Amino acid sequence: REKDVLLTSAIVAISSCLPNVIFYYDRRKYFANLYGMISAPAASGKGVMNKARPIISPIHKKLMQDSLANMSKLKK
């Protein structure tokens, strides 16, 4: 069960790193962003979701650095 929770949360976290991925199906526009919700009783292993955070941490740091660099350029 914990592996399922980790896989689900990792897929949802990775989908947040794909903001410009768009595909068309039946003349409709779809995006790759996913949302996940895991509902379970206390002490059932939901804490393993936190292990998905390091997967996207390097991407987050890079985006933050780029954003701060762009802000400093705008201020100049």
PDB file of N, CA and C in Angstrom:
ATOM      1  N   ARG A   1       0.813  -1.194   0.000  1.00  0.00           N
ATOM      2  CA  ARG A   1       0.000   0.000   0.000  1.00  0.00           C
ATOM      3  C   ARG A   1       0.856   1.256   0.000  1.00  0.00           C
ATOM      4  N   GLU A   2       1.945   1.254   0.769  1.00  0.00           N
ATOM      5  CA  GLU A   2       2.802   2.442   0.810  1.00  0.00           C
ATOM      6  C   GLU A   2       3.438   2.717  -0.546  1.00  0.00           C
ATOM      7  N   LYS A   3       3.762   1.675  -1.289  1.00  0.00           N
ATOM      8  CA  LYS A   3       4.329   1.863  -2.625  1.00  0.00           C
ATOM      9  C   LYS A   3       3.309   2.516  -3.550  1.00  0.00           C
ATOM     10  N   ASP A   4       2.059   2.129  -3.417  1.00  0.00           N
ATOM     11  CA  ASP A   4       1.004   2.734  -4.234  1.00  0.00           C
ATOM     12  C   ASP A   4       0.847   4.216  -3.915  1.00  0.00           C
ATOM     13  N   VAL A   5       0.883   4.545  -2.633  1.00  0.00           N
ATOM     14  CA  VAL A   5       0.742   5.939  -2.213  1.00  0.00           C
ATOM     15  C   VAL A   5       1.926   6.755  -2.727  1.00  0.00           C
ATOM     16  N   LEU A   6       3.129   6.209  -2.619  1.00  0.00           N
ATOM     17  CA  LEU A   6       4.311   6.921  -3.097  1.00  0.00           C
ATOM     18  C   LEU A   6       4.269   7.111  -4.606  1.00  0.00           C
ATOM     19  N   LEU A   7       3.894   6.093  -5.330  1.00  0.00           N
ATOM     20  CA  LEU A   7       3.809   6.204  -6.787  1.00  0.00           C
ATOM     21  C   LEU A   7       2.774   7.245  -7.204  1.00  0.00           C
ATOM     22  N   THR A   8       1.633   7.223  -6.571  1.00  0.00           N
ATOM     23  CA  THR A   8       0.576   8.187  -6.890  1.00  0.00           C
ATOM     24  C   THR A   8       1.041   9.610  -6.614  1.00  0.00           C
ATOM     25  N   SER A   9       1.644   9.836  -5.462  1.00  0.00           N
ATOM     26  CA  SER A   9       2.088  11.186  -5.131  1.00  0.00           C
ATOM     27  C   SER A   9       3.256  11.619  -6.014  1.00  0.00           C
ATOM     28  N   ALA A  10       4.117  10.710  -6.429  1.00  0.00           N
ATOM     29  CA  ALA A  10       5.217  11.059  -7.326  1.00  0.00           C
ATOM     30  C   ALA A  10       4.694  11.450  -8.707  1.00  0.00           C
ATOM     31  N   ILE A  11       3.715  10.723  -9.210  1.00  0.00           N
ATOM     32  CA  ILE A  11       3.137  11.058 -10.514  1.00  0.00           C
ATOM     33  C   ILE A  11       2.466  12.427 -10.476  1.00  0.00           C
ATOM     34  N   VAL A  12       1.751  12.716  -9.416  1.00  0.00           N
ATOM     35  CA  VAL A  12       1.091  14.014  -9.276  1.00  0.00           C
ATOM     36  C   VAL A  12       2.137  15.124  -9.166  1.00  0.00           C
ATOM     37  N   ALA A  13       3.204  14.884  -8.407  1.00  0.00           N
ATOM     38  CA  ALA A  13       4.258  15.900  -8.260  1.00  0.00           C
ATOM     39  C   ALA A  13       4.957  16.154  -9.585  1.00  0.00           C
ATOM     40  N   ILE A  14       5.258  15.117 -10.321  1.00  0.00           N
ATOM     41  CA  ILE A  14       5.935  15.274 -11.606  1.00  0.00           C
ATOM     42  C   ILE A  14       5.038  15.991 -12.613  1.00  0.00           C
ATOM     43  N   SER A  15       3.745  15.759 -12.542  1.00  0.00           N
ATOM     44  CA  SER A  15       2.852  16.432 -13.487  1.00  0.00           C
ATOM     45  C   SER A  15       2.873  17.942 -13.299  1.00  0.00           C
ATOM     46  N   SER A  16       3.207  18.410 -12.107  1.00  0.00           N
ATOM     47  CA  SER A  16       3.284  19.854 -11.887  1.00  0.00           C
ATOM     48  C   SER A  16       4.480  20.471 -12.595  1.00  0.00           C
ATOM     49  N   CYS A  17       5.429  19.650 -13.010  1.00  0.00           N
ATOM     50  CA  CYS A  17       6.615  20.144 -13.717  1.00  0.00           C
ATOM     51  C   CYS A  17       6.401  20.209 -15.215  1.00  0.00           C
ATOM     52  N   LEU A  18       5.209  19.960 -15.683  1.00  0.00           N
ATOM     53  CA  LEU A  18       4.902  19.955 -17.108  1.00  0.00           C
ATOM     54  C   LEU A  18       3.823  20.988 -17.441  1.00  0.00           C
ATOM     55  N   PRO A  19       4.074  22.276 -17.168  1.00  0.00           N
ATOM     56  CA  PRO A  19       3.003  23.256 -17.365  1.00  0.00           C
ATOM     57  C   PRO A  19       2.678  23.542 -18.823  1.00  0.00           C
ATOM     58  N   ASN A  20       3.607  23.305 -19.720  1.00  0.00           N
ATOM     59  CA  ASN A  20       3.378  23.660 -21.124  1.00  0.00           C
ATOM     60  C   ASN A  20       3.021  22.457 -21.981  1.00  0.00           C
ATOM     61  N   VAL A  21       2.719  21.337 -21.369  1.00  0.00           N
ATOM     62  CA  VAL A  21       2.354  20.148 -22.133  1.00  0.00           C
ATOM     63  C   VAL A  21       0.854  20.198 -22.396  1.00  0.00           C
ATOM     64  N   ILE A  22       0.503  20.289 -23.662  1.00  0.00           N
ATOM     65  CA  ILE A  22      -0.899  20.363 -24.074  1.00  0.00           C
ATOM     66  C   ILE A  22      -1.116  19.330 -25.164  1.00  0.00           C
ATOM     67  N   PHE A  23      -2.232  18.651 -25.102  1.00  0.00           N
ATOM     68  CA  PHE A  23      -2.567  17.745 -26.199  1.00  0.00           C
ATOM     69  C   PHE A  23      -4.039  17.906 -26.531  1.00  0.00           C
ATOM     70  N   TYR A  24      -4.370  17.548 -27.738  1.00  0.00           N
ATOM     71  CA  TYR A  24      -5.736  17.698 -28.226  1.00  0.00           C
ATOM     72  C   TYR A  24      -6.330  16.324 -28.474  1.00  0.00           C
ATOM     73  N   TYR A  25      -7.562  16.186 -28.056  1.00  0.00           N
ATOM     74  CA  TYR A  25      -8.304  14.952 -28.301  1.00  0.00           C
ATOM     75  C   TYR A  25      -9.750  15.344 -28.542  1.00  0.00           C
ATOM     76  N   ASP A  26     -10.287  14.899 -29.642  1.00  0.00           N
ATOM     77  CA  ASP A  26     -11.673  15.194 -29.993  1.00  0.00           C
ATOM     78  C   ASP A  26     -11.929  16.709 -30.005  1.00  0.00           C
ATOM     79  N   ARG A  27     -10.979  17.431 -30.592  1.00  0.00           N
ATOM     80  CA  ARG A  27     -11.046  18.882 -30.729  1.00  0.00           C
ATOM     81  C   ARG A  27     -11.105  19.621 -29.391  1.00  0.00           C
ATOM     82  N   ARG A  28     -10.632  19.006 -28.342  1.00  0.00           N
ATOM     83  CA  ARG A  28     -10.580  19.644 -27.023  1.00  0.00           C
ATOM     84  C   ARG A  28      -9.139  19.699 -26.552  1.00  0.00           C
ATOM     85  N   LYS A  29      -8.829  20.726 -25.812  1.00  0.00           N
ATOM     86  CA  LYS A  29      -7.485  20.926 -25.295  1.00  0.00           C
ATOM     87  C   LYS A  29      -7.384  20.308 -23.887  1.00  0.00           C
ATOM     88  N   TYR A  30      -6.362  19.501 -23.678  1.00  0.00           N
ATOM     89  CA  TYR A  30      -6.127  18.873 -22.377  1.00  0.00           C
ATOM     90  C   TYR A  30      -4.718  19.191 -21.901  1.00  0.00           C
ATOM     91  N   PHE A  31      -4.571  19.309 -20.610  1.00  0.00           N
ATOM     92  CA  PHE A  31      -3.287  19.607 -19.999  1.00  0.00           C
ATOM     93  C   PHE A  31      -2.829  18.407 -19.180  1.00  0.00           C
ATOM     94  N   ALA A  32      -1.533  18.343 -18.898  1.00  0.00           N
ATOM     95  CA  ALA A  32      -0.965  17.193 -18.205  1.00  0.00           C
ATOM     96  C   ALA A  32      -1.021  17.309 -16.684  1.00  0.00           C
ATOM     97  N   ASN A  33      -1.565  18.386 -16.164  1.00  0.00           N
ATOM     98  CA  ASN A  33      -1.612  18.566 -14.721  1.00  0.00           C
ATOM     99  C   ASN A  33      -2.578  17.577 -14.075  1.00  0.00           C
ATOM    100  N   LEU A  34      -2.126  16.950 -13.020  1.00  0.00           N
ATOM    101  CA  LEU A  34      -2.945  15.986 -12.286  1.00  0.00           C
ATOM    102  C   LEU A  34      -3.142  16.457 -10.859  1.00  0.00           C
ATOM    103  N   TYR A  35      -4.223  16.046 -10.286  1.00  0.00           N
ATOM    104  CA  TYR A  35      -4.498  16.310  -8.879  1.00  0.00           C
ATOM    105  C   TYR A  35      -4.715  14.972  -8.200  1.00  0.00           C
ATOM    106  N   GLY A  36      -4.256  14.881  -6.974  1.00  0.00           N
ATOM    107  CA  GLY A  36      -4.423  13.626  -6.255  1.00  0.00           C
ATOM    108  C   GLY A  36      -4.895  13.869  -4.837  1.00  0.00           C
ATOM    109  N   MET A  37      -5.671  12.952  -4.349  1.00  0.00           N
ATOM    110  CA  MET A  37      -6.126  13.011  -2.969  1.00  0.00           C
ATOM    111  C   MET A  37      -6.103  11.596  -2.418  1.00  0.00           C
ATOM    112  N   ILE A  38      -5.448  11.448  -1.307  1.00  0.00           N
ATOM    113  CA  ILE A  38      -5.369  10.135  -0.675  1.00  0.00           C
ATOM    114  C   ILE A  38      -6.045  10.240   0.672  1.00  0.00           C
ATOM    115  N   SER A  39      -7.066   9.471   0.830  1.00  0.00           N
ATOM    116  CA  SER A  39      -7.854   9.488   2.056  1.00  0.00           C
ATOM    117  C   SER A  39      -7.749   8.124   2.719  1.00  0.00           C
ATOM    118  N   ALA A  40      -7.306   8.143   3.963  1.00  0.00           N
ATOM    119  CA  ALA A  40      -7.151   6.886   4.702  1.00  0.00           C
ATOM    120  C   ALA A  40      -7.156   7.212   6.191  1.00  0.00           C
ATOM    121  N   PRO A  41      -7.410   6.214   7.011  1.00  0.00           N
ATOM    122  CA  PRO A  41      -7.405   6.463   8.455  1.00  0.00           C
ATOM    123  C   PRO A  41      -6.006   6.803   8.969  1.00  0.00           C
ATOM    124  N   ALA A  42      -5.969   7.266  10.185  1.00  0.00           N
ATOM    125  CA  ALA A  42      -4.702   7.621  10.810  1.00  0.00           C
ATOM    126  C   ALA A  42      -3.778   6.405  10.884  1.00  0.00           C
ATOM    127  N   ALA A  43      -2.489   6.670  10.805  1.00  0.00           N
ATOM    128  CA  ALA A  43      -1.442   5.645  10.920  1.00  0.00           C
ATOM    129  C   ALA A  43      -1.574   4.557   9.858  1.00  0.00           C
ATOM    130  N   SER A  44      -1.939   4.965   8.643  1.00  0.00           N
ATOM    131  CA  SER A  44      -2.078   3.974   7.581  1.00  0.00           C
ATOM    132  C   SER A  44      -1.012   4.137   6.501  1.00  0.00           C
ATOM    133  N   GLY A  45       0.021   4.942   6.761  1.00  0.00           N
ATOM    134  CA  GLY A  45       1.121   5.065   5.825  1.00  0.00           C
ATOM    135  C   GLY A  45       1.028   6.217   4.861  1.00  0.00           C
ATOM    136  N   LYS A  46       0.204   7.218   5.151  1.00  0.00           N
ATOM    137  CA  LYS A  46       0.089   8.367   4.255  1.00  0.00           C
ATOM    138  C   LYS A  46       1.324   9.255   4.303  1.00  0.00           C
ATOM    139  N   GLY A  47       2.105   9.152   5.341  1.00  0.00           N
ATOM    140  CA  GLY A  47       3.299   9.978   5.488  1.00  0.00           C
ATOM    141  C   GLY A  47       4.353   9.702   4.435  1.00  0.00           C
ATOM    142  N   VAL A  48       4.246   8.581   3.758  1.00  0.00           N
ATOM    143  CA  VAL A  48       5.204   8.244   2.712  1.00  0.00           C
ATOM    144  C   VAL A  48       5.083   9.201   1.530  1.00  0.00           C
ATOM    145  N   MET A  49       3.997   9.971   1.466  1.00  0.00           N
ATOM    146  CA  MET A  49       3.831  10.952   0.389  1.00  0.00           C
ATOM    147  C   MET A  49       4.937  11.995   0.430  1.00  0.00           C
ATOM    148  N   ASN A  50       5.479  12.278   1.599  1.00  0.00           N
ATOM    149  CA  ASN A  50       6.545  13.272   1.725  1.00  0.00           C
ATOM    150  C   ASN A  50       7.815  12.846   1.008  1.00  0.00           C
ATOM    151  N   LYS A  51       7.972  11.582   0.726  1.00  0.00           N
ATOM    152  CA  LYS A  51       9.166  11.105   0.036  1.00  0.00           C
ATOM    153  C   LYS A  51       9.142  11.457  -1.449  1.00  0.00           C
ATOM    154  N   ALA A  52       8.027  11.911  -1.959  1.00  0.00           N
ATOM    155  CA  ALA A  52       7.935  12.319  -3.364  1.00  0.00           C
ATOM    156  C   ALA A  52       8.486  13.731  -3.567  1.00  0.00           C
ATOM    157  N   ARG A  53       8.612  14.486  -2.513  1.00  0.00           N
ATOM    158  CA  ARG A  53       9.091  15.867  -2.624  1.00  0.00           C
ATOM    159  C   ARG A  53      10.513  15.960  -3.173  1.00  0.00           C
ATOM    160  N   PRO A  54      11.462  15.138  -2.737  1.00  0.00           N
ATOM    161  CA  PRO A  54      12.828  15.260  -3.284  1.00  0.00           C
ATOM    162  C   PRO A  54      12.924  14.976  -4.785  1.00  0.00           C
ATOM    163  N   ILE A  55      11.936  14.336  -5.353  1.00  0.00           N
ATOM    164  CA  ILE A  55      11.967  14.048  -6.781  1.00  0.00           C
ATOM    165  C   ILE A  55      11.941  15.337  -7.590  1.00  0.00           C
ATOM    166  N   ILE A  56      11.125  16.292  -7.165  1.00  0.00           N
ATOM    167  CA  ILE A  56      11.000  17.532  -7.930  1.00  0.00           C
ATOM    168  C   ILE A  56      11.744  18.697  -7.289  1.00  0.00           C
ATOM    169  N   SER A  57      12.434  18.472  -6.205  1.00  0.00           N
ATOM    170  CA  SER A  57      13.161  19.541  -5.525  1.00  0.00           C
ATOM    171  C   SER A  57      14.197  20.219  -6.418  1.00  0.00           C
ATOM    172  N   PRO A  58      15.021  19.497  -7.207  1.00  0.00           N
ATOM    173  CA  PRO A  58      15.976  20.186  -8.083  1.00  0.00           C
ATOM    174  C   PRO A  58      15.299  21.062  -9.142  1.00  0.00           C
ATOM    175  N   ILE A  59      14.162  20.620  -9.644  1.00  0.00           N
ATOM    176  CA  ILE A  59      13.427  21.408 -10.629  1.00  0.00           C
ATOM    177  C   ILE A  59      12.899  22.684  -9.982  1.00  0.00           C
ATOM    178  N   HIS A  60      12.388  22.563  -8.772  1.00  0.00           N
ATOM    179  CA  HIS A  60      11.872  23.722  -8.046  1.00  0.00           C
ATOM    180  C   HIS A  60      12.980  24.743  -7.790  1.00  0.00           C
ATOM    181  N   LYS A  61      14.142  24.264  -7.371  1.00  0.00           N
ATOM    182  CA  LYS A  61      15.256  25.168  -7.102  1.00  0.00           C
ATOM    183  C   LYS A  61      15.683  25.911  -8.371  1.00  0.00           C
ATOM    184  N   LYS A  62      15.742  25.224  -9.485  1.00  0.00           N
ATOM    185  CA  LYS A  62      16.127  25.840 -10.756  1.00  0.00           C
ATOM    186  C   LYS A  62      15.108  26.904 -11.171  1.00  0.00           C
ATOM    187  N   LEU A  63      13.822  26.585 -11.044  1.00  0.00           N
ATOM    188  CA  LEU A  63      12.789  27.554 -11.399  1.00  0.00           C
ATOM    189  C   LEU A  63      12.837  28.783 -10.493  1.00  0.00           C
ATOM    190  N   MET A  64      13.118  28.581  -9.222  1.00  0.00           N
ATOM    191  CA  MET A  64      13.222  29.710  -8.291  1.00  0.00           C
ATOM    192  C   MET A  64      14.410  30.597  -8.643  1.00  0.00           C
ATOM    193  N   GLN A  65      15.546  29.986  -8.980  1.00  0.00           N
ATOM    194  CA  GLN A  65      16.722  30.767  -9.369  1.00  0.00           C
ATOM    195  C   GLN A  65      16.438  31.583 -10.630  1.00  0.00           C
ATOM    196  N   ASP A  66      15.803  30.965 -11.606  1.00  0.00           N
ATOM    197  CA  ASP A  66      15.461  31.676 -12.836  1.00  0.00           C
ATOM    198  C   ASP A  66      14.496  32.828 -12.568  1.00  0.00           C
ATOM    199  N   SER A  67      13.535  32.584 -11.713  1.00  0.00           N
ATOM    200  CA  SER A  67      12.554  33.612 -11.382  1.00  0.00           C
ATOM    201  C   SER A  67      13.204  34.792 -10.665  1.00  0.00           C
ATOM    202  N   LEU A  68      14.085  34.503  -9.727  1.00  0.00           N
ATOM    203  CA  LEU A  68      14.780  35.580  -9.015  1.00  0.00           C
ATOM    204  C   LEU A  68      15.694  36.362  -9.948  1.00  0.00           C
ATOM    205  N   ALA A  69      16.334  35.663 -10.880  1.00  0.00           N
ATOM    206  CA  ALA A  69      17.183  36.351 -11.856  1.00  0.00           C
ATOM    207  C   ALA A  69      16.348  37.256 -12.745  1.00  0.00           C
ATOM    208  N   ASN A  70      15.191  36.795 -13.167  1.00  0.00           N
ATOM    209  CA  ASN A  70      14.308  37.627 -14.002  1.00  0.00           C
ATOM    210  C   ASN A  70      13.796  38.835 -13.229  1.00  0.00           C
ATOM    211  N   MET A  71      13.501  38.640 -11.949  1.00  0.00           N
ATOM    212  CA  MET A  71      13.028  39.771 -11.137  1.00  0.00           C
ATOM    213  C   MET A  71      14.113  40.826 -10.981  1.00  0.00           C
ATOM    214  N   SER A  72      15.351  40.377 -10.782  1.00  0.00           N
ATOM    215  CA  SER A  72      16.434  41.354 -10.637  1.00  0.00           C
ATOM    216  C   SER A  72      16.673  42.111 -11.950  1.00  0.00           C
ATOM    217  N   LYS A  73      16.501  41.441 -13.088  1.00  0.00           N
ATOM    218  CA  LYS A  73      16.623  42.114 -14.372  1.00  0.00           C
ATOM    219  C   LYS A  73      15.539  43.170 -14.536  1.00  0.00           C
ATOM    220  N   LEU A  74      14.306  42.834 -14.107  1.00  0.00           N
ATOM    221  CA  LEU A  74      13.210  43.792 -14.230  1.00  0.00           C
ATOM    222  C   LEU A  74      13.414  45.003 -13.347  1.00  0.00           C
ATOM    223  N   LYS A  75      14.001  44.819 -12.178  1.00  0.00           N
ATOM    224  CA  LYS A  75      14.234  45.927 -11.274  1.00  0.00           C
ATOM    225  C   LYS A  75      15.291  46.880 -11.801  1.00  0.00           C
ATOM    226  N   LYS A  76      16.248  46.332 -12.569  1.00  0.00           N
ATOM    227  CA  LYS A  76      17.289  47.189 -13.164  1.00  0.00           C
ATOM    228  C   LYS A  76      16.682  48.025 -14.259  1.00  0.00           C
TER     229      LYS A  76
END
